[in-house]
Amino acid sequence: MLKIKNKRLDIATLKHLAAKQLLIDSQPTFTERTAKAKSLWGSKTKSKDGKDAFKVIAEKLDLMCVGKRICNYCEQAEAMDIEHILPKGFFPEKAFIWSNYLLACKNCNTGYKLDKAWVFVPKGSSNVVELIRGDEPASNDSAFIDPRREDPMDLMQLDLADFQFYAAAKYPMGSQQFVKVEKTISILQLDTRDNLVRYRRDAFVNFKRSLREYVAVMNSTDYASLIQATYGDPAIDLLLPFDKQKRKILRGIKKSILTSLHITVWREMQRQLASMPIDIQGLFKQSGAIDW
């Protein structure tokens, strides 16, 4: 998981959300507020105004994804669902709040996260309480990483040996940050979905391969060495001037890396470079990829 770069909504769309949220907040009881939130969310695109507003919202969230329409949680599947970071079933006051949205894949949104939630009680402590559907939360201090507000890479680290997430070493066991990381990993099953761990390992291998190719292309001096560096890439246009073709290929490799699935693996390779094998350190140094 990575921190999401927030973008602003236009005034008209924000006003639309605020009007819907006011209808929820004006309900006298928690039960009525959650029912209203569910009802309004279910019908959010029934009107032209609603359809227009959520088209804008979806487009803006797409631009904010960690990769091109990649799930901000698992980084594996296509992100198609507008996800409430704080579930609207427990926090109806966040149902139509822009800062509570991100794009997630259906598997993460409805298969794993759904309405699973824990909060810290009392607020600011490390004591967690699981929320029960229908009961008003005793706190709004969520035990789940909010990637729009918090930097997941500050809170946790991906181990590049077993490709599982752990709380960052600076947070001691039992601290609020440690517990928040544990609950986030548990809710999303980031370490227990075998395919995710395997795909992260595969991404690591692919990133190393791409770096080697990038450096080989950098070092090519003519079309013969360029073709060898790219394993005979059929897209190479021999009619282009050599330097122009070389720059084009380098841009393509860099873009491919930065838009890949499991981009957190890449960010961890950059962060943990000092402990990486010497050959990998050399590739980063030669390519300048540490600053990408």
Foldseek 3Di string as FASTA:
>chain_A
DFFWDDDDDDPLLLVVLVVLLVVLVPDDDLLSSLVSLVVCVVCQCVDPSSVVSVVRLVVRLCVRALFRQAANQLLPDGFDDWAFQQDCQAVSSCSSPSLRTHTHHCCQRVVFQPNWWWADPPPPAQDIDTDDGPDHDPDPHTLEDRSNVDTVVQQWAQDLVQRDIAGPPVADPSGNSRSSVVVHCRRRVNPPPVVSSVVLNVLLVVVLLLLQLLLQLVPDDDPVSNCVSVVNPVPQDPVDPSVVSSVVVNVVSVSCLSNHGPVSSVVNCLVCVVVDDPVSVVSCVSNVVNVD
